[in-house]
Amino acid sequence: MNVAGILGKSHTSDDRAVFVDLKTAWIIQGLGHGHQDVTKLKDPTLVLKRTESNVAATAKLFHFAEITEKNMASFHFHGNLSAYPISALIAVPYDTKSGTILRGRYLSKEESQQIVRPEAVIDRLLQNIFRIKNVLDAVIAVVALATVLAVILVFALSLRLRQREIQTIFKIGCSRMTIAKLIAAEIMIIVFSSAVFCSIMMIAVRSMSNDLVRMLFIR
């Protein structure tokens, strides 16, 4: 089939979808096909049975692998089209009353089909997502607090292990203020380096966020 057009990226599952009409979808599923005109066959090995109203062809009959303007009319379906599969459809009611009546027809538990309102489904989905987000925010807050406490503990243990070094610096003439400035400078260097590294990572993730979402969540 020829591609009629390509839509712009929407960063949703539609980016990987192929939009065709219903009969084309059935042909893709193998429910419809196109072949040579059996009434004009000259090779007797291609005809299985011939009557006044019907011609049955053998498996040797050439089937078209591509739909073109020349062979489009030869594509057809066998059987009752009303029994062909339709997985879903979009119903647009005239008004609220019509929509309510339509939904009421599918309330039975024995009904094998269902009708849903996309807005209601998305609302429930978003509620679950935000509920999970709140849980993740709480977990992140606890982890952040634990990280801060761990950093404080590391600095405290580092100062304790460097006690002799600090005393030596004090004995060679450095004041307590100078020692405090040295320790503060070390802490600032570590914090600044961490901030730069985190900023680089955030910029990288942000620049690839759309591709990451597509790769992780849209399949």
N, C-alpha and C. Protein backbone atom coordinates (compact mmCIF):
# COMPACT_ATOMS: atom_id res chain seq x y z
N MET A 1 0.84 -1.19 0.00
CA MET A 1 0.00 0.00 0.00
C MET A 1 0.88 1.24 0.00
N ASN A 2 0.38 2.27 -0.60
CA ASN A 2 1.09 3.54 -0.61
C ASN A 2 0.79 4.33 0.66
N VAL A 3 1.80 5.01 1.18
CA VAL A 3 1.64 5.86 2.36
C VAL A 3 1.10 7.20 1.92
N ALA A 4 -0.08 7.55 2.42
CA ALA A 4 -0.73 8.80 2.01
C ALA A 4 -0.18 10.01 2.74
N GLY A 5 0.32 9.81 3.95
CA GLY A 5 0.84 10.93 4.72
C GLY A 5 1.44 10.46 6.03
N ILE A 6 2.26 11.30 6.63
CA ILE A 6 2.90 11.00 7.91
C ILE A 6 2.57 12.13 8.88
N LEU A 7 1.99 11.77 10.01
CA LEU A 7 1.61 12.76 11.01
C LEU A 7 2.83 13.15 11.85
N GLY A 8 2.77 14.33 12.43
CA GLY A 8 3.84 14.78 13.31
C GLY A 8 3.85 14.00 14.61
N LYS A 9 4.99 14.01 15.29
CA LYS A 9 5.12 13.28 16.55
C LYS A 9 4.20 13.87 17.62
N SER A 10 3.50 12.97 18.32
CA SER A 10 2.67 13.39 19.45
C SER A 10 3.20 12.82 20.76
N HIS A 11 4.29 12.02 20.68
CA HIS A 11 4.91 11.40 21.85
C HIS A 11 3.91 10.53 22.59
N THR A 12 3.06 9.84 21.85
CA THR A 12 2.11 8.88 22.41
C THR A 12 2.22 7.59 21.61
N SER A 13 1.39 6.61 21.98
CA SER A 13 1.39 5.35 21.24
C SER A 13 0.95 5.53 19.80
N ASP A 14 0.29 6.65 19.49
CA ASP A 14 -0.13 6.90 18.11
C ASP A 14 1.06 7.07 17.17
N ASP A 15 2.23 7.38 17.72
CA ASP A 15 3.40 7.58 16.87
C ASP A 15 3.80 6.29 16.15
N ARG A 16 3.39 5.15 16.69
CA ARG A 16 3.72 3.87 16.06
C ARG A 16 2.51 3.23 15.40
N ALA A 17 1.46 3.99 15.26
CA ALA A 17 0.23 3.45 14.69
C ALA A 17 0.18 3.71 13.19
N VAL A 18 -0.53 2.83 12.50
CA VAL A 18 -0.80 2.99 11.07
C VAL A 18 -2.31 3.16 10.92
N PHE A 19 -2.74 4.29 10.40
CA PHE A 19 -4.16 4.59 10.29
C PHE A 19 -4.66 4.18 8.90
N VAL A 20 -5.59 3.24 8.89
CA VAL A 20 -6.18 2.75 7.64
C VAL A 20 -7.68 2.62 7.85
N ASP A 21 -8.41 2.42 6.77
CA ASP A 21 -9.85 2.21 6.92
C ASP A 21 -10.11 0.77 7.34
N LEU A 22 -11.37 0.47 7.65
CA LEU A 22 -11.72 -0.82 8.22
C LEU A 22 -11.43 -1.97 7.26
N LYS A 23 -11.80 -1.81 6.01
CA LYS A 23 -11.60 -2.90 5.05
C LYS A 23 -10.12 -3.15 4.79
N THR A 24 -9.33 -2.09 4.81
CA THR A 24 -7.88 -2.27 4.65
C THR A 24 -7.31 -3.06 5.82
N ALA A 25 -7.81 -2.80 7.02
CA ALA A 25 -7.36 -3.55 8.19
C ALA A 25 -7.71 -5.02 8.05
N TRP A 26 -8.89 -5.31 7.53
CA TRP A 26 -9.28 -6.71 7.31
C TRP A 26 -8.38 -7.37 6.28
N ILE A 27 -8.01 -6.64 5.24
CA ILE A 27 -7.10 -7.20 4.23
C ILE A 27 -5.74 -7.49 4.84
N ILE A 28 -5.26 -6.60 5.70
CA ILE A 28 -3.98 -6.82 6.38
C ILE A 28 -4.04 -8.07 7.24
N GLN A 29 -5.20 -8.33 7.86
CA GLN A 29 -5.38 -9.52 8.68
C GLN A 29 -5.52 -10.78 7.84
N GLY A 30 -5.64 -10.64 6.54
CA GLY A 30 -5.79 -11.80 5.68
C GLY A 30 -7.23 -12.20 5.44
N LEU A 31 -8.17 -11.36 5.84
CA LEU A 31 -9.59 -11.68 5.67
C LEU A 31 -10.09 -11.31 4.28
N GLY A 32 -9.35 -10.50 3.58
CA GLY A 32 -9.70 -10.12 2.21
C GLY A 32 -8.49 -10.29 1.31
N HIS A 33 -8.72 -10.40 0.03
CA HIS A 33 -7.62 -10.60 -0.90
C HIS A 33 -8.02 -10.15 -2.29
N GLY A 34 -7.03 -10.02 -3.13
CA GLY A 34 -7.26 -9.68 -4.53
C GLY A 34 -6.50 -10.63 -5.43
N HIS A 35 -7.08 -10.98 -6.54
CA HIS A 35 -6.43 -11.93 -7.45
C HIS A 35 -6.89 -11.67 -8.88
N GLN A 36 -6.38 -12.48 -9.78
CA GLN A 36 -6.75 -12.37 -11.18
C GLN A 36 -8.25 -12.59 -11.36
N ASP A 37 -8.77 -12.06 -12.41
CA ASP A 37 -10.18 -12.26 -12.74
C ASP A 37 -10.37 -13.71 -13.17
N VAL A 38 -11.06 -14.49 -12.32
CA VAL A 38 -11.21 -15.93 -12.59
C VAL A 38 -12.08 -16.20 -13.81
N THR A 39 -12.87 -15.24 -14.21
CA THR A 39 -13.73 -15.45 -15.39
C THR A 39 -12.94 -15.33 -16.69
N LYS A 40 -11.72 -14.81 -16.59
CA LYS A 40 -10.92 -14.61 -17.80
C LYS A 40 -9.67 -15.48 -17.81
N LEU A 41 -9.65 -16.52 -16.97
CA LEU A 41 -8.49 -17.39 -16.92
C LEU A 41 -8.42 -18.26 -18.17
N LYS A 42 -7.23 -18.35 -18.72
CA LYS A 42 -7.02 -19.18 -19.91
C LYS A 42 -6.27 -20.47 -19.57
N ASP A 43 -5.60 -20.48 -18.42
CA ASP A 43 -4.88 -21.68 -18.00
C ASP A 43 -5.84 -22.63 -17.29
N PRO A 44 -6.10 -23.81 -17.83
CA PRO A 44 -7.06 -24.74 -17.21
C PRO A 44 -6.60 -25.27 -15.86
N THR A 45 -5.29 -25.22 -15.60
CA THR A 45 -4.80 -25.73 -14.31
C THR A 45 -5.14 -24.79 -13.16
N LEU A 46 -5.59 -23.58 -13.48
CA LEU A 46 -5.96 -22.63 -12.44
C LEU A 46 -7.42 -22.73 -12.04
N VAL A 47 -8.21 -23.46 -12.83
CA VAL A 47 -9.65 -23.58 -12.57
C VAL A 47 -9.93 -24.92 -11.91
N LEU A 48 -10.51 -24.86 -10.72
CA LEU A 48 -10.87 -26.08 -10.01
C LEU A 48 -12.25 -26.56 -10.40
N LYS A 49 -13.18 -25.61 -10.50
CA LYS A 49 -14.55 -25.97 -10.86
C LYS A 49 -15.20 -24.76 -11.50
N ARG A 50 -15.95 -25.00 -12.54
CA ARG A 50 -16.60 -23.89 -13.25
C ARG A 50 -18.08 -24.22 -13.45
N THR A 51 -18.93 -23.27 -13.05
CA THR A 51 -20.37 -23.38 -13.29
C THR A 51 -20.83 -22.09 -13.96
N GLU A 52 -22.12 -22.03 -14.22
CA GLU A 52 -22.65 -20.84 -14.87
C GLU A 52 -22.59 -19.61 -13.97
N SER A 53 -22.69 -19.84 -12.66
CA SER A 53 -22.73 -18.71 -11.72
C SER A 53 -21.46 -18.54 -10.90
N ASN A 54 -20.56 -19.51 -10.96
CA ASN A 54 -19.39 -19.43 -10.09
C ASN A 54 -18.20 -20.13 -10.73
N VAL A 55 -17.01 -19.61 -10.41
CA VAL A 55 -15.77 -20.22 -10.86
C VAL A 55 -14.87 -20.40 -9.64
N ALA A 56 -14.49 -21.64 -9.34
CA ALA A 56 -13.61 -21.93 -8.22
C ALA A 56 -12.20 -22.14 -8.74
N ALA A 57 -11.25 -21.40 -8.17
CA ALA A 57 -9.87 -21.46 -8.63
C ALA A 57 -9.03 -22.33 -7.71
N THR A 58 -7.92 -22.79 -8.22
CA THR A 58 -7.00 -23.60 -7.42
C THR A 58 -6.05 -22.69 -6.64
N ALA A 59 -5.20 -23.33 -5.84
CA ALA A 59 -4.24 -22.58 -5.02
C ALA A 59 -3.15 -21.93 -5.86
N LYS A 60 -3.06 -22.31 -7.12
CA LYS A 60 -2.04 -21.73 -8.01
C LYS A 60 -2.42 -20.33 -8.49
N LEU A 61 -3.65 -19.92 -8.21
CA LEU A 61 -4.10 -18.61 -8.68
C LEU A 61 -3.22 -17.50 -8.09
N PHE A 62 -2.81 -16.58 -8.92
CA PHE A 62 -1.94 -15.49 -8.47
C PHE A 62 -2.73 -14.47 -7.66
N HIS A 63 -2.24 -14.21 -6.43
CA HIS A 63 -2.85 -13.22 -5.55
C HIS A 63 -1.96 -11.97 -5.52
N PHE A 64 -2.60 -10.84 -5.53
CA PHE A 64 -1.86 -9.58 -5.52
C PHE A 64 -1.29 -9.32 -4.13
N ALA A 65 -0.01 -8.97 -4.09
CA ALA A 65 0.65 -8.66 -2.81
C ALA A 65 0.64 -7.17 -2.51
N GLU A 66 0.23 -6.38 -3.48
CA GLU A 66 0.22 -4.93 -3.31
C GLU A 66 -1.09 -4.36 -3.87
N ILE A 67 -1.63 -3.40 -3.15
CA ILE A 67 -2.86 -2.74 -3.59
C ILE A 67 -2.48 -1.52 -4.42
N THR A 68 -2.90 -1.52 -5.66
CA THR A 68 -2.65 -0.39 -6.55
C THR A 68 -3.97 0.06 -7.16
N GLU A 69 -3.92 1.15 -7.88
CA GLU A 69 -5.14 1.66 -8.52
C GLU A 69 -5.66 0.69 -9.57
N LYS A 70 -4.75 -0.08 -10.19
CA LYS A 70 -5.17 -1.00 -11.24
C LYS A 70 -5.89 -2.22 -10.69
N ASN A 71 -5.41 -2.75 -9.55
CA ASN A 71 -6.01 -3.98 -9.02
C ASN A 71 -6.91 -3.75 -7.81
N MET A 72 -7.14 -2.49 -7.45
CA MET A 72 -7.94 -2.19 -6.26
C MET A 72 -9.33 -2.81 -6.34
N ALA A 73 -9.92 -2.79 -7.52
CA ALA A 73 -11.29 -3.31 -7.67
C ALA A 73 -11.36 -4.82 -7.50
N SER A 74 -10.23 -5.50 -7.62
CA SER A 74 -10.25 -6.96 -7.53
C SER A 74 -10.24 -7.46 -6.09
N PHE A 75 -9.94 -6.59 -5.14
CA PHE A 75 -9.92 -7.01 -3.73
C PHE A 75 -11.35 -7.14 -3.22
N HIS A 76 -11.59 -8.25 -2.53
CA HIS A 76 -12.95 -8.55 -2.08
C HIS A 76 -12.89 -9.43 -0.83
N PHE A 77 -14.05 -9.67 -0.26
CA PHE A 77 -14.17 -10.47 0.96
C PHE A 77 -15.17 -11.58 0.71
N HIS A 78 -14.99 -12.69 1.42
CA HIS A 78 -15.91 -13.81 1.35
C HIS A 78 -16.65 -13.91 2.68
N GLY A 79 -17.91 -14.24 2.63
CA GLY A 79 -18.68 -14.39 3.84
C GLY A 79 -19.45 -13.13 4.19
N ASN A 80 -19.99 -13.14 5.41
CA ASN A 80 -20.82 -12.05 5.90
C ASN A 80 -19.94 -10.99 6.56
N LEU A 81 -19.93 -9.80 6.00
CA LEU A 81 -19.08 -8.74 6.55
C LEU A 81 -19.49 -8.34 7.97
N SER A 82 -20.76 -8.54 8.31
CA SER A 82 -21.22 -8.17 9.66
C SER A 82 -20.62 -9.06 10.73
N ALA A 83 -20.07 -10.21 10.33
CA ALA A 83 -19.45 -11.12 11.29
C ALA A 83 -17.94 -10.91 11.37
N TYR A 84 -17.40 -9.98 10.61
CA TYR A 84 -15.97 -9.73 10.64
C TYR A 84 -15.59 -8.97 11.92
N PRO A 85 -14.36 -9.15 12.40
CA PRO A 85 -13.99 -8.60 13.71
C PRO A 85 -13.82 -7.08 13.71
N ILE A 86 -14.35 -6.47 14.76
CA ILE A 86 -14.12 -5.06 15.07
C ILE A 86 -13.80 -4.98 16.56
N SER A 87 -12.58 -4.64 16.89
CA SER A 87 -12.16 -4.65 18.29
C SER A 87 -12.71 -3.47 19.08
N ALA A 88 -12.91 -2.33 18.42
CA ALA A 88 -13.40 -1.15 19.13
C ALA A 88 -13.92 -0.14 18.12
N LEU A 89 -14.79 0.73 18.60
CA LEU A 89 -15.28 1.83 17.77
C LEU A 89 -15.58 3.02 18.66
N ILE A 90 -15.65 4.19 18.06
CA ILE A 90 -15.91 5.43 18.79
C ILE A 90 -17.34 5.86 18.49
N ALA A 91 -18.14 5.97 19.53
CA ALA A 91 -19.53 6.41 19.39
C ALA A 91 -19.64 7.86 19.87
N VAL A 92 -20.22 8.70 19.04
CA VAL A 92 -20.39 10.12 19.37
C VAL A 92 -21.89 10.39 19.47
N PRO A 93 -22.47 10.40 20.68
CA PRO A 93 -23.92 10.61 20.82
C PRO A 93 -24.32 12.04 20.46
N TYR A 94 -25.58 12.19 20.09
CA TYR A 94 -26.08 13.51 19.72
C TYR A 94 -26.15 14.43 20.93
N ASP A 95 -26.54 13.87 22.09
CA ASP A 95 -26.67 14.68 23.30
C ASP A 95 -26.44 13.79 24.51
N THR A 96 -26.58 14.38 25.71
CA THR A 96 -26.34 13.65 26.95
C THR A 96 -27.33 12.50 27.12
N LYS A 97 -28.58 12.73 26.76
CA LYS A 97 -29.59 11.69 26.89
C LYS A 97 -29.25 10.48 26.02
N SER A 98 -28.86 10.74 24.79
CA SER A 98 -28.50 9.64 23.88
C SER A 98 -27.31 8.86 24.42
N GLY A 99 -26.33 9.58 24.98
CA GLY A 99 -25.17 8.91 25.55
C GLY A 99 -25.54 8.04 26.74
N THR A 100 -26.44 8.53 27.59
CA THR A 100 -26.87 7.76 28.76
C THR A 100 -27.61 6.50 28.33
N ILE A 101 -28.50 6.63 27.35
CA ILE A 101 -29.24 5.47 26.85
C ILE A 101 -28.29 4.44 26.24
N LEU A 102 -27.30 4.92 25.50
CA LEU A 102 -26.34 4.01 24.87
C LEU A 102 -25.53 3.26 25.91
N ARG A 103 -25.08 3.95 26.96
CA ARG A 103 -24.31 3.28 28.00
C ARG A 103 -25.17 2.29 28.77
N GLY A 104 -26.46 2.60 28.90
CA GLY A 104 -27.35 1.70 29.62
C GLY A 104 -27.53 0.36 28.95
N ARG A 105 -27.28 0.29 27.66
CA ARG A 105 -27.44 -0.97 26.94
C ARG A 105 -26.32 -1.95 27.22
N TYR A 106 -25.26 -1.49 27.84
CA TYR A 106 -24.10 -2.36 28.08
C TYR A 106 -23.81 -2.53 29.57
N LEU A 107 -24.84 -2.37 30.40
CA LEU A 107 -24.66 -2.50 31.85
C LEU A 107 -24.81 -3.94 32.33
N SER A 108 -25.36 -4.80 31.51
CA SER A 108 -25.60 -6.18 31.91
C SER A 108 -24.27 -6.91 32.13
N LYS A 109 -24.21 -7.72 33.20
CA LYS A 109 -23.00 -8.49 33.48
C LYS A 109 -22.78 -9.59 32.45
N GLU A 110 -23.86 -9.99 31.79
CA GLU A 110 -23.75 -11.04 30.79
C GLU A 110 -23.31 -10.49 29.43
N GLU A 111 -23.26 -9.18 29.32
CA GLU A 111 -22.87 -8.57 28.05
C GLU A 111 -21.38 -8.80 27.79
N SER A 112 -21.06 -9.34 26.63
CA SER A 112 -19.66 -9.64 26.29
C SER A 112 -18.89 -8.41 25.84
N GLN A 113 -19.61 -7.33 25.53
CA GLN A 113 -18.97 -6.10 25.10
C GLN A 113 -19.14 -5.03 26.17
N GLN A 114 -18.33 -4.04 26.14
CA GLN A 114 -18.41 -2.97 27.13
C GLN A 114 -18.29 -1.61 26.45
N ILE A 115 -18.80 -0.61 27.13
CA ILE A 115 -18.70 0.76 26.64
C ILE A 115 -18.10 1.61 27.76
N VAL A 116 -17.18 2.46 27.42
CA VAL A 116 -16.49 3.28 28.41
C VAL A 116 -16.45 4.72 27.94
N ARG A 117 -16.35 5.62 28.90
CA ARG A 117 -16.15 7.03 28.60
C ARG A 117 -14.66 7.32 28.74
N PRO A 118 -13.99 7.71 27.68
CA PRO A 118 -12.54 7.96 27.76
C PRO A 118 -12.17 8.94 28.86
N GLU A 119 -13.00 9.97 29.05
CA GLU A 119 -12.69 10.97 30.08
C GLU A 119 -12.68 10.34 31.46
N ALA A 120 -13.67 9.47 31.75
CA ALA A 120 -13.74 8.82 33.06
C ALA A 120 -12.57 7.86 33.25
N VAL A 121 -12.23 7.12 32.20
CA VAL A 121 -11.12 6.17 32.29
C VAL A 121 -9.80 6.91 32.53
N ILE A 122 -9.59 8.00 31.81
CA ILE A 122 -8.35 8.77 31.99
C ILE A 122 -8.30 9.39 33.38
N ASP A 123 -9.45 9.86 33.89
CA ASP A 123 -9.49 10.44 35.24
C ASP A 123 -9.08 9.41 36.28
N ARG A 124 -9.62 8.19 36.16
CA ARG A 124 -9.24 7.14 37.11
C ARG A 124 -7.77 6.78 36.98
N LEU A 125 -7.30 6.75 35.75
CA LEU A 125 -5.89 6.44 35.53
C LEU A 125 -4.99 7.51 36.14
N LEU A 126 -5.37 8.78 35.95
CA LEU A 126 -4.57 9.87 36.51
C LEU A 126 -4.60 9.86 38.03
N GLN A 127 -5.75 9.50 38.62
CA GLN A 127 -5.83 9.40 40.07
C GLN A 127 -4.85 8.36 40.60
N ASN A 128 -4.79 7.22 39.91
CA ASN A 128 -3.83 6.19 40.32
C ASN A 128 -2.40 6.67 40.15
N ILE A 129 -2.15 7.38 39.04
CA ILE A 129 -0.80 7.89 38.80
C ILE A 129 -0.39 8.89 39.88
N PHE A 130 -1.30 9.82 40.23
CA PHE A 130 -0.97 10.81 41.25
C PHE A 130 -0.85 10.16 42.63
N ARG A 131 -1.62 9.10 42.86
CA ARG A 131 -1.50 8.39 44.13
C ARG A 131 -0.11 7.74 44.23
N ILE A 132 0.31 7.14 43.14
CA ILE A 132 1.65 6.56 43.11
C ILE A 132 2.71 7.65 43.23
N LYS A 133 2.45 8.81 42.60
CA LYS A 133 3.39 9.93 42.68
C LYS A 133 3.56 10.39 44.12
N ASN A 134 2.46 10.46 44.87
CA ASN A 134 2.55 10.87 46.27
C ASN A 134 3.39 9.89 47.09
N VAL A 135 3.20 8.60 46.80
CA VAL A 135 3.99 7.59 47.51
C VAL A 135 5.47 7.74 47.16
N LEU A 136 5.75 7.94 45.87
CA LEU A 136 7.14 8.11 45.45
C LEU A 136 7.75 9.38 46.03
N ASP A 137 6.96 10.45 46.12
CA ASP A 137 7.46 11.69 46.73
C ASP A 137 7.83 11.47 48.19
N ALA A 138 6.99 10.71 48.90
CA ALA A 138 7.28 10.41 50.30
C ALA A 138 8.55 9.58 50.42
N VAL A 139 8.69 8.59 49.54
CA VAL A 139 9.90 7.75 49.56
C VAL A 139 11.13 8.59 49.25
N ILE A 140 11.02 9.48 48.25
CA ILE A 140 12.15 10.34 47.89
C ILE A 140 12.52 11.26 49.04
N ALA A 141 11.50 11.78 49.75
CA ALA A 141 11.78 12.66 50.89
C ALA A 141 12.53 11.91 51.99
N VAL A 142 12.11 10.67 52.27
CA VAL A 142 12.78 9.87 53.29
C VAL A 142 14.22 9.56 52.86
N VAL A 143 14.38 9.20 51.58
CA VAL A 143 15.73 8.90 51.08
C VAL A 143 16.61 10.15 51.12
N ALA A 144 16.03 11.31 50.78
CA ALA A 144 16.80 12.56 50.82
C ALA A 144 17.24 12.88 52.25
N LEU A 145 16.33 12.70 53.21
CA LEU A 145 16.68 12.94 54.61
C LEU A 145 17.78 11.99 55.07
N ALA A 146 17.65 10.72 54.68
CA ALA A 146 18.68 9.74 55.05
C ALA A 146 20.02 10.09 54.41
N THR A 147 19.98 10.60 53.17
CA THR A 147 21.21 10.99 52.49
C THR A 147 21.89 12.16 53.20
N VAL A 148 21.08 13.16 53.60
CA VAL A 148 21.63 14.32 54.31
C VAL A 148 22.26 13.88 55.63
N LEU A 149 21.58 13.01 56.36
CA LEU A 149 22.13 12.51 57.63
C LEU A 149 23.40 11.72 57.40
N ALA A 150 23.43 10.93 56.31
CA ALA A 150 24.64 10.16 56.00
C ALA A 150 25.81 11.08 55.66
N VAL A 151 25.53 12.15 54.91
CA VAL A 151 26.58 13.12 54.57
C VAL A 151 27.12 13.80 55.83
N ILE A 152 26.20 14.19 56.72
CA ILE A 152 26.63 14.82 57.99
C ILE A 152 27.49 13.85 58.79
N LEU A 153 27.07 12.57 58.82
CA LEU A 153 27.84 11.57 59.56
C LEU A 153 29.23 11.38 58.95
N VAL A 154 29.30 11.38 57.62
CA VAL A 154 30.59 11.21 56.95
C VAL A 154 31.52 12.38 57.29
N PHE A 155 31.00 13.60 57.24
CA PHE A 155 31.83 14.76 57.57
C PHE A 155 32.26 14.73 59.04
N ALA A 156 31.36 14.32 59.92
CA ALA A 156 31.71 14.25 61.34
C ALA A 156 32.81 13.22 61.58
N LEU A 157 32.68 12.05 60.96
CA LEU A 157 33.72 11.02 61.12
C LEU A 157 35.03 11.47 60.48
N SER A 158 34.92 12.19 59.35
CA SER A 158 36.14 12.69 58.70
C SER A 158 36.88 13.67 59.59
N LEU A 159 36.13 14.56 60.23
CA LEU A 159 36.77 15.52 61.15
C LEU A 159 37.40 14.81 62.34
N ARG A 160 36.73 13.76 62.82
CA ARG A 160 37.30 13.03 63.96
C ARG A 160 38.59 12.32 63.56
N LEU A 161 38.59 11.73 62.34
CA LEU A 161 39.79 11.03 61.88
C LEU A 161 40.94 12.00 61.58
N ARG A 162 40.59 13.24 61.25
CA ARG A 162 41.60 14.25 60.90
C ARG A 162 41.92 15.16 62.09
N GLN A 163 41.61 14.69 63.29
CA GLN A 163 41.82 15.52 64.46
C GLN A 163 43.30 15.88 64.64
N ARG A 164 44.20 14.91 64.43
CA ARG A 164 45.63 15.19 64.57
C ARG A 164 46.09 16.20 63.52
N GLU A 165 45.58 16.05 62.30
CA GLU A 165 45.94 17.00 61.24
C GLU A 165 45.50 18.41 61.60
N ILE A 166 44.30 18.54 62.16
CA ILE A 166 43.80 19.86 62.56
C ILE A 166 44.64 20.44 63.70
N GLN A 167 45.03 19.58 64.65
CA GLN A 167 45.87 20.06 65.76
C GLN A 167 47.24 20.52 65.26
N THR A 168 47.77 19.77 64.28
CA THR A 168 49.07 20.16 63.71
C THR A 168 48.98 21.52 63.03
N ILE A 169 47.91 21.73 62.26
CA ILE A 169 47.71 23.01 61.59
C ILE A 169 47.60 24.14 62.61
N PHE A 170 46.92 23.84 63.73
CA PHE A 170 46.76 24.86 64.78
C PHE A 170 48.10 25.18 65.43
N LYS A 171 48.94 24.14 65.63
CA LYS A 171 50.22 24.34 66.31
C LYS A 171 51.22 25.11 65.46
N ILE A 172 51.08 25.02 64.13
CA ILE A 172 52.04 25.74 63.29
C ILE A 172 51.64 27.19 63.07
N GLY A 173 50.55 27.61 63.73
CA GLY A 173 50.22 29.03 63.73
C GLY A 173 48.90 29.43 63.12
N CYS A 174 48.13 28.49 62.58
CA CYS A 174 46.82 28.84 62.00
C CYS A 174 45.80 29.05 63.11
N SER A 175 45.00 30.06 62.95
CA SER A 175 43.97 30.33 63.95
C SER A 175 42.79 29.38 63.76
N ARG A 176 41.92 29.35 64.75
CA ARG A 176 40.74 28.50 64.66
C ARG A 176 39.84 28.94 63.50
N MET A 177 39.78 30.25 63.26
CA MET A 177 38.96 30.75 62.15
C MET A 177 39.50 30.26 60.81
N THR A 178 40.85 30.25 60.68
CA THR A 178 41.46 29.77 59.43
C THR A 178 41.16 28.29 59.22
N ILE A 179 41.26 27.51 60.31
CA ILE A 179 40.95 26.08 60.21
C ILE A 179 39.50 25.86 59.81
N ALA A 180 38.62 26.66 60.40
CA ALA A 180 37.20 26.55 60.05
C ALA A 180 36.96 26.90 58.59
N LYS A 181 37.71 27.93 58.10
CA LYS A 181 37.57 28.31 56.69
C LYS A 181 38.06 27.20 55.77
N LEU A 182 39.16 26.52 56.15
CA LEU A 182 39.68 25.42 55.34
C LEU A 182 38.66 24.27 55.25
N ILE A 183 38.09 23.93 56.40
CA ILE A 183 37.09 22.85 56.41
C ILE A 183 35.86 23.25 55.60
N ALA A 184 35.44 24.52 55.77
CA ALA A 184 34.27 25.01 55.01
C ALA A 184 34.56 25.01 53.51
N ALA A 185 35.81 25.36 53.13
CA ALA A 185 36.17 25.35 51.71
C ALA A 185 36.11 23.94 51.14
N GLU A 186 36.58 22.95 51.91
CA GLU A 186 36.51 21.56 51.45
C GLU A 186 35.05 21.13 51.24
N ILE A 187 34.22 21.50 52.21
CA ILE A 187 32.80 21.14 52.09
C ILE A 187 32.16 21.81 50.88
N MET A 188 32.49 23.09 50.66
CA MET A 188 31.92 23.81 49.52
C MET A 188 32.38 23.21 48.19
N ILE A 189 33.65 22.79 48.14
CA ILE A 189 34.15 22.16 46.91
C ILE A 189 33.38 20.88 46.61
N ILE A 190 33.16 20.07 47.65
CA ILE A 190 32.41 18.82 47.46
C ILE A 190 30.98 19.10 47.03
N VAL A 191 30.33 20.06 47.71
CA VAL A 191 28.94 20.40 47.37
C VAL A 191 28.85 20.97 45.96
N PHE A 192 29.80 21.84 45.60
CA PHE A 192 29.78 22.45 44.26
C PHE A 192 30.00 21.39 43.18
N SER A 193 30.94 20.48 43.42
CA SER A 193 31.19 19.41 42.44
C SER A 193 29.96 18.53 42.27
N SER A 194 29.30 18.22 43.38
CA SER A 194 28.08 17.41 43.31
C SER A 194 26.98 18.14 42.55
N ALA A 195 26.85 19.45 42.80
CA ALA A 195 25.82 20.24 42.12
C ALA A 195 26.07 20.29 40.62
N VAL A 196 27.34 20.46 40.23
CA VAL A 196 27.68 20.48 38.80
C VAL A 196 27.36 19.14 38.15
N PHE A 197 27.74 18.06 38.81
CA PHE A 197 27.47 16.72 38.26
C PHE A 197 25.97 16.48 38.13
N CYS A 198 25.20 16.85 39.16
CA CYS A 198 23.74 16.67 39.11
C CYS A 198 23.12 17.53 38.01
N SER A 199 23.63 18.74 37.84
CA SER A 199 23.10 19.62 36.79
C SER A 199 23.34 19.03 35.41
N ILE A 200 24.53 18.49 35.20
CA ILE A 200 24.83 17.86 33.90
C ILE A 200 23.91 16.67 33.65
N MET A 201 23.69 15.86 34.68
CA MET A 201 22.80 14.70 34.54
C MET A 201 21.37 15.14 34.26
N MET A 202 20.90 16.20 34.94
CA MET A 202 19.54 16.68 34.72
C MET A 202 19.36 17.23 33.31
N ILE A 203 20.37 17.95 32.82
CA ILE A 203 20.29 18.48 31.45
C ILE A 203 20.25 17.34 30.43
N ALA A 204 21.07 16.31 30.67
CA ALA A 204 21.10 15.16 29.76
C ALA A 204 19.77 14.42 29.76
N VAL A 205 19.21 14.20 30.95
CA VAL A 205 17.92 13.50 31.05
C VAL A 205 16.81 14.33 30.43
N ARG A 206 16.84 15.64 30.66
CA ARG A 206 15.80 16.50 30.11
C ARG A 206 15.85 16.53 28.58
N SER A 207 17.04 16.53 28.02
CA SER A 207 17.16 16.56 26.56
C SER A 207 16.69 15.26 25.91
N MET A 208 16.75 14.17 26.67
CA MET A 208 16.33 12.87 26.14
C MET A 208 15.04 12.37 26.77
N SER A 209 14.30 13.26 27.46
CA SER A 209 13.12 12.82 28.20
C SER A 209 12.07 12.18 27.31
N ASN A 210 11.81 12.79 26.15
CA ASN A 210 10.78 12.24 25.26
C ASN A 210 11.16 10.84 24.78
N ASP A 211 12.42 10.66 24.39
CA ASP A 211 12.86 9.34 23.93
C ASP A 211 12.84 8.33 25.06
N LEU A 212 13.20 8.77 26.28
CA LEU A 212 13.18 7.86 27.42
C LEU A 212 11.77 7.41 27.75
N VAL A 213 10.82 8.34 27.70
CA VAL A 213 9.42 7.99 27.98
C VAL A 213 8.91 7.01 26.94
N ARG A 214 9.23 7.25 25.68
CA ARG A 214 8.80 6.34 24.62
C ARG A 214 9.41 4.96 24.80
N MET A 215 10.68 4.91 25.19
CA MET A 215 11.37 3.64 25.32
C MET A 215 10.90 2.85 26.53
N LEU A 216 10.62 3.55 27.65
CA LEU A 216 10.28 2.87 28.89
C LEU A 216 8.80 2.58 29.05
N PHE A 217 7.94 3.47 28.52
CA PHE A 217 6.52 3.35 28.81
C PHE A 217 5.65 3.13 27.58
N ILE A 218 6.11 3.55 26.41
CA ILE A 218 5.29 3.41 25.20
C ILE A 218 5.91 2.33 24.34
N ARG A 219 5.23 1.23 24.22
CA ARG A 219 5.76 0.10 23.45
C ARG A 219 4.77 -0.31 22.37
